[in-house]
Every structure is written in C-alpha cells, then in structure tokens.
Amino acid sequence: MRSAILGLIAAFASVLLAILLEEAHFLSFLKLSALVLIVGGTAGATFASYTPEEFANLIIHLRESLFPKREFSLSDVFLDFAEKARKNGLLSLEDQLTGVPDAFLRKGIQLIVDGTDPRAVEEILFEAAEGLENKETRSAKILETAGGFSPTIGIIGTVMGLVSVLENLGAGTRALGEGIATAFIATFYGIAFANLAYFPLANRLRTWAFSRDRRRQAIIRGIISLQTGDNRRILVERMAPFL
C-alpha cells in the first residue's frame, strides 16, 4: 500500500515541482472548466463501456489492493488441517470452517468435507479461481480504458478552447496568448490523469490480481493434497511454488 500511495504522490509532486522550476504561474494550470471536462467526460465514457456491477467490483478491488488486509500463513493453516485430518479424518475439518477468513479456502474445505469426487473438487476450484481472476483483471481493464479516454477528451477540450480563441482574434496579442494557453490545459489534464493515476492504478490492480491468483492456486494444491492424504512434506512442496 505504501509504495502505491507514495508513488502517486511522488508523480503528482514532480509535476508541481516542474511547474515551479519553470517559474510558471501555478494558477495558470488551475482551470475548473478543463477539470470538469476531463474528469466528467472520462467517467461518463468509461461508465458507458462497462456495467454498474463491474464498477462496484472496481471500487472493492481498488480498496483491497491499496489497503490490503494482513494475510495469514497458508502453510501453517494447511499443516494444522493436515494434522487434524490425520488424527480425526477429513470430517473433523468442518469444525474449523467458521474460523477461516478466506472464502475460497472455506469453499475448498467444504467440498472435501462433503466427500466430493477429487476430480470434481479440482475442476470446481480451478473454475472458481479463474472466475475470480477474470473479475479482478476486469477492474484493471476499466482503469486502462479510462486512461485511454482521458487524453482524447483532453484534445476535445483543447479544440473547444481554440475555437473560442479564433472567435476572439481581435482581442489583442496578450488575450490571444492566454486563450491558447488555457486551451492546452485540457490536454495537460488529460495526459496527466492518464499517466499519473489511471495507468499506475491499473498496473497496481494487475499485480494485486496476480498475487491473489497465486494464493488461490496454492490453496487448490493444498486442498487436493489434503484430500489425497499426502504427508506434511508433500503438502508443503505442492503449495510452495505459488507462495
């Protein structure tokens, strides 16, 4: 979380510092009309491209990726499960379900406790993991879409500003220069939001989704190992490549 937040802060701070080093007027870069166009236009175009459910997932996934909860040790949990299953059988694991915070892990344990065929357990868990990964990467795709729209809408704002300038050519050189500068602010906002916010957050989501999928793959291997009665060493070896 810290690296993501610090990275975004550093990116925007570098732009502000560059403005100061150029000795430009900071207020010249603050144009409410351009900001409304970029933020509102990008949000509207992106919202039109996806479903409300996908946007709801985006908010959830973004929060979880930026402010992740402390993960418990899968190896320790599965070693504890293996010990209980060795002593009391797989049915004894049902008593442990309420204390498992991971819904995917609970699903896997419930399947083997119910006596589901091993092949069916594997297929169900792999399909469930694929579905969850698709949802998470879809959230990253939404941000990438926003990053694609943002600069283009910035160009629209620039064209609108230039049209206004051309309509007032007789206002004098100073007014003409200020009008052209204002027109290009929209492009500045569009490119800045895309490359300093949307694309970095999309990359963050993809990295988070990959790590989540690896963890689910480890769970699947652990579940299969529990059901087949592998010893503790084999169980850990099966899970290790994904942790």
Protein backbone atom coordinates (compact mmCIF):
# COMPACT_ATOMS: atom_id res chain seq x y z
CA MET A 1 0.00 0.00 0.00
CA ARG A 2 2.72 2.46 0.97
CA SER A 3 4.55 2.08 -2.34
CA ALA A 4 1.37 2.76 -4.34
CA ILE A 5 0.34 5.85 -2.37
CA LEU A 6 3.88 7.21 -2.21
CA GLY A 7 4.32 6.59 -5.92
CA LEU A 8 1.17 8.54 -6.82
CA ILE A 9 2.15 11.38 -4.51
CA ALA A 10 5.66 11.49 -5.99
CA ALA A 11 4.27 11.51 -9.54
CA PHE A 12 1.95 14.46 -8.97
CA ALA A 13 4.52 16.26 -6.81
CA SER A 14 7.09 16.04 -9.60
CA VAL A 15 4.67 17.80 -11.96
CA LEU A 16 4.05 20.57 -9.44
CA LEU A 17 7.80 20.92 -8.84
CA ALA A 18 8.44 21.16 -12.57
CA ILE A 19 5.88 23.98 -12.81
CA LEU A 20 7.64 25.85 -10.01
CA LEU A 21 11.08 25.31 -11.57
CA GLU A 22 9.80 26.72 -14.85
CA GLU A 23 8.71 29.77 -12.86
CA ALA A 24 5.25 29.44 -14.36
CA HIS A 25 2.19 30.82 -12.64
CA PHE A 26 0.69 27.94 -10.69
CA LEU A 27 -2.81 29.35 -11.00
CA SER A 28 -2.46 29.23 -14.78
CA PHE A 29 -2.72 25.45 -14.54
CA LEU A 30 -5.90 25.52 -12.48
CA LYS A 31 -8.86 25.63 -14.85
CA LEU A 32 -12.13 24.36 -13.42
CA SER A 33 -13.80 24.03 -16.81
CA ALA A 34 -11.00 21.81 -18.11
CA LEU A 35 -11.03 19.72 -14.92
CA VAL A 36 -14.79 19.18 -15.15
CA LEU A 37 -14.48 18.17 -18.80
CA ILE A 38 -11.67 15.67 -18.21
CA VAL A 39 -12.99 14.08 -15.02
CA GLY A 40 -16.65 14.11 -16.04
CA GLY A 41 -16.07 13.18 -19.67
CA THR A 42 -13.70 10.33 -18.81
CA ALA A 43 -16.03 9.00 -16.11
CA GLY A 44 -19.03 9.14 -18.42
CA ALA A 45 -17.32 7.47 -21.37
CA THR A 46 -15.85 4.76 -19.14
CA PHE A 47 -19.14 4.16 -17.34
CA ALA A 48 -20.85 3.73 -20.70
CA SER A 49 -18.33 0.99 -21.56
CA TYR A 50 -18.98 -1.26 -18.54
CA THR A 51 -21.79 -2.44 -16.28
CA PRO A 52 -22.60 -0.97 -12.84
CA GLU A 53 -21.63 -4.32 -11.30
CA GLU A 54 -18.17 -4.08 -12.84
CA PHE A 55 -17.76 -0.58 -11.42
CA ALA A 56 -18.83 -1.84 -7.99
CA ASN A 57 -16.17 -4.56 -8.25
CA LEU A 58 -13.62 -1.94 -9.26
CA ILE A 59 -14.22 0.05 -6.07
CA ILE A 60 -13.91 -3.10 -3.93
CA HIS A 61 -10.80 -4.35 -5.70
CA LEU A 62 -9.13 -0.94 -5.67
CA ARG A 63 -9.69 -0.61 -1.94
CA GLU A 64 -8.35 -4.12 -1.29
CA SER A 65 -5.29 -3.56 -3.47
CA LEU A 66 -4.38 -0.21 -1.92
CA PHE A 67 -5.27 -1.16 1.66
CA PRO A 68 -4.71 -4.93 1.85
CA LYS A 69 -5.56 -6.87 4.97
CA ARG A 70 -2.85 -8.76 6.78
CA GLU A 71 -2.67 -12.23 5.20
CA PHE A 72 -2.50 -15.35 7.36
CA SER A 73 0.07 -18.06 6.63
CA LEU A 74 -1.42 -20.65 4.31
CA SER A 75 1.35 -23.12 5.09
CA ASP A 76 0.62 -23.00 8.83
CA VAL A 77 -3.13 -23.35 8.27
CA PHE A 78 -2.78 -26.34 5.94
CA LEU A 79 -0.26 -28.06 8.19
CA ASP A 80 -2.74 -27.67 11.03
CA PHE A 81 -5.53 -29.05 8.82
CA ALA A 82 -3.34 -31.97 7.76
CA GLU A 83 -2.61 -32.86 11.37
CA LYS A 84 -6.29 -32.78 12.34
CA ALA A 85 -7.28 -34.79 9.25
CA ARG A 86 -4.61 -37.41 10.02
CA LYS A 87 -5.85 -37.84 13.58
CA ASN A 88 -9.63 -37.47 13.17
CA GLY A 89 -10.36 -37.70 9.45
CA LEU A 90 -11.43 -35.09 6.90
CA LEU A 91 -14.86 -34.65 8.50
CA SER A 92 -13.18 -33.09 11.55
CA LEU A 93 -12.17 -30.10 9.37
CA GLU A 94 -15.78 -28.96 9.23
CA ASP A 95 -15.41 -27.63 12.78
CA GLN A 96 -12.62 -25.33 11.54
CA LEU A 97 -14.65 -23.66 8.77
CA THR A 98 -16.07 -20.84 10.88
CA GLY A 99 -12.58 -19.67 11.81
CA VAL A 100 -11.32 -19.50 8.20
CA PRO A 101 -11.42 -15.89 6.90
CA ASP A 102 -10.77 -16.81 3.26
CA ALA A 103 -14.00 -17.65 1.38
CA PHE A 104 -12.14 -19.57 -1.34
CA LEU A 105 -10.39 -21.74 1.25
CA ARG A 106 -13.71 -22.37 3.02
CA LYS A 107 -15.23 -23.44 -0.28
CA GLY A 108 -12.44 -25.96 -0.87
CA ILE A 109 -12.59 -27.41 2.65
CA GLN A 110 -16.38 -27.72 2.43
CA LEU A 111 -16.08 -29.65 -0.84
CA ILE A 112 -13.74 -32.28 0.58
CA VAL A 113 -15.68 -32.50 3.85
CA ASP A 114 -18.82 -33.23 1.79
CA GLY A 115 -16.99 -36.11 0.13
CA THR A 116 -16.95 -34.60 -3.36
CA ASP A 117 -15.10 -36.58 -6.01
CA PRO A 118 -11.44 -35.42 -6.20
CA ARG A 119 -11.67 -34.66 -9.91
CA ALA A 120 -14.82 -32.61 -9.35
CA VAL A 121 -13.15 -30.73 -6.49
CA GLU A 122 -10.23 -29.82 -8.73
CA GLU A 123 -12.48 -28.69 -11.59
CA ILE A 124 -14.76 -26.63 -9.34
CA LEU A 125 -11.88 -24.85 -7.63
CA PHE A 126 -9.97 -24.14 -10.83
CA GLU A 127 -13.10 -22.71 -12.48
CA ALA A 128 -13.87 -20.61 -9.39
CA ALA A 129 -10.29 -19.29 -9.31
CA GLU A 130 -10.44 -18.41 -13.00
CA GLY A 131 -13.72 -16.55 -12.50
CA LEU A 132 -12.31 -14.51 -9.61
CA GLU A 133 -9.16 -13.68 -11.57
CA ASN A 134 -11.26 -12.50 -14.53
CA LYS A 135 -13.23 -10.16 -12.26
CA GLU A 136 -10.05 -8.71 -10.76
CA THR A 137 -8.29 -8.17 -14.07
CA ARG A 138 -11.52 -6.70 -15.46
CA SER A 139 -11.23 -3.97 -12.83
CA ALA A 140 -7.74 -3.16 -14.10
CA LYS A 141 -9.12 -3.03 -17.63
CA ILE A 142 -11.66 -0.38 -16.56
CA LEU A 143 -8.85 1.89 -15.37
CA GLU A 144 -6.91 1.26 -18.56
CA THR A 145 -9.99 2.25 -20.54
CA ALA A 146 -10.23 5.47 -18.53
CA GLY A 147 -6.55 6.08 -19.26
CA GLY A 148 -7.30 5.75 -22.96
CA PHE A 149 -10.26 8.12 -22.92
CA SER A 150 -8.64 10.82 -20.77
CA PRO A 151 -6.06 12.21 -23.27
CA THR A 152 -8.59 12.07 -26.11
CA ILE A 153 -11.13 14.06 -24.13
CA GLY A 154 -8.30 16.46 -23.32
CA ILE A 155 -7.86 17.04 -27.05
CA ILE A 156 -11.59 17.74 -27.31
CA GLY A 157 -11.17 20.40 -24.61
CA THR A 158 -8.22 21.90 -26.47
CA VAL A 159 -10.19 22.10 -29.70
CA MET A 160 -13.07 23.79 -27.85
CA GLY A 161 -10.61 26.29 -26.37
CA LEU A 162 -9.00 27.03 -29.74
CA VAL A 163 -12.40 27.61 -31.32
CA SER A 164 -13.08 30.18 -28.61
CA VAL A 165 -9.70 31.81 -29.28
CA LEU A 166 -10.32 32.01 -33.03
CA GLU A 167 -13.66 33.66 -32.40
CA ASN A 168 -11.90 36.42 -30.48
CA LEU A 169 -8.83 37.12 -32.61
CA GLY A 170 -9.34 40.85 -32.30
CA ALA A 171 -8.92 40.82 -28.53
CA GLY A 172 -5.19 41.51 -28.74
CA THR A 173 -1.95 39.53 -28.56
CA ARG A 174 -1.98 39.11 -24.77
CA ALA A 175 -5.53 37.82 -24.70
CA LEU A 176 -4.75 35.55 -27.64
CA GLY A 177 -1.77 34.03 -25.82
CA GLU A 178 -3.76 33.48 -22.63
CA GLY A 179 -6.57 31.88 -24.60
CA ILE A 180 -4.25 29.43 -26.35
CA ALA A 181 -2.56 28.54 -23.05
CA THR A 182 -5.94 27.89 -21.46
CA ALA A 183 -6.96 25.72 -24.39
CA PHE A 184 -3.99 23.41 -23.91
CA ILE A 185 -4.67 22.95 -20.19
CA ALA A 186 -7.33 20.38 -21.06
CA THR A 187 -4.77 18.26 -22.92
CA PHE A 188 -2.39 18.66 -19.99
CA TYR A 189 -5.04 17.39 -17.57
CA GLY A 190 -6.00 14.51 -19.84
CA ILE A 191 -2.45 13.23 -20.25
CA ALA A 192 -1.59 13.83 -16.59
CA PHE A 193 -4.58 11.90 -15.22
CA ALA A 194 -3.99 9.01 -17.63
CA ASN A 195 -0.29 8.56 -16.94
CA LEU A 196 -0.10 9.61 -13.30
CA ALA A 197 -3.29 8.00 -11.99
CA TYR A 198 -5.29 5.66 -14.24
CA PHE A 199 -2.48 3.58 -15.74
CA PRO A 200 -0.44 3.27 -12.49
CA LEU A 201 -3.55 2.18 -10.58
CA ALA A 202 -4.41 -0.30 -13.33
CA ASN A 203 -0.91 -1.79 -13.08
CA ARG A 204 -1.31 -1.96 -9.31
CA LEU A 205 -4.57 -3.87 -9.72
CA ARG A 206 -3.00 -6.33 -12.15
CA THR A 207 -0.12 -7.00 -9.76
CA TRP A 208 -2.57 -7.48 -6.90
CA ALA A 209 -4.78 -9.77 -9.02
CA PHE A 210 -1.75 -11.89 -9.95
CA SER A 211 -0.72 -12.31 -6.30
CA ARG A 212 -4.30 -13.19 -5.34
CA ASP A 213 -4.46 -15.80 -8.09
CA ARG A 214 -1.16 -17.33 -6.99
CA ARG A 215 -2.52 -17.61 -3.46
CA ARG A 216 -5.67 -19.33 -4.74
CA GLN A 217 -3.52 -21.74 -6.77
CA ALA A 218 -1.65 -22.61 -3.58
CA ILE A 219 -4.97 -23.23 -1.82
CA ILE A 220 -6.10 -25.56 -4.61
CA ARG A 221 -2.90 -27.60 -4.34
CA GLY A 222 -3.28 -27.73 -0.57
CA ILE A 223 -6.91 -28.88 -0.80
CA ILE A 224 -6.02 -31.61 -3.29
CA SER A 225 -3.14 -32.70 -1.10
CA LEU A 226 -5.38 -32.87 1.97
CA GLN A 227 -7.98 -34.94 0.15
CA THR A 228 -5.44 -37.43 -1.19
CA GLY A 229 -3.86 -37.81 2.26
CA ASP A 230 -0.37 -36.60 1.36
CA ASN A 231 2.12 -36.26 4.20
CA ARG A 232 3.10 -32.83 5.52
CA ARG A 233 6.26 -32.55 3.44
CA ILE A 234 4.47 -33.31 0.16
CA LEU A 235 1.70 -30.87 1.06
CA VAL A 236 4.17 -28.05 1.61
CA GLU A 237 6.08 -28.93 -1.58
CA ARG A 238 2.90 -28.76 -3.64
CA MET A 239 2.00 -25.33 -2.30
CA ALA A 240 5.49 -23.80 -2.18
CA PRO A 241 5.80 -22.72 -5.87
CA PHE A 242 2.72 -20.49 -5.51
CA LEU A 243 3.57 -18.80 -2.22
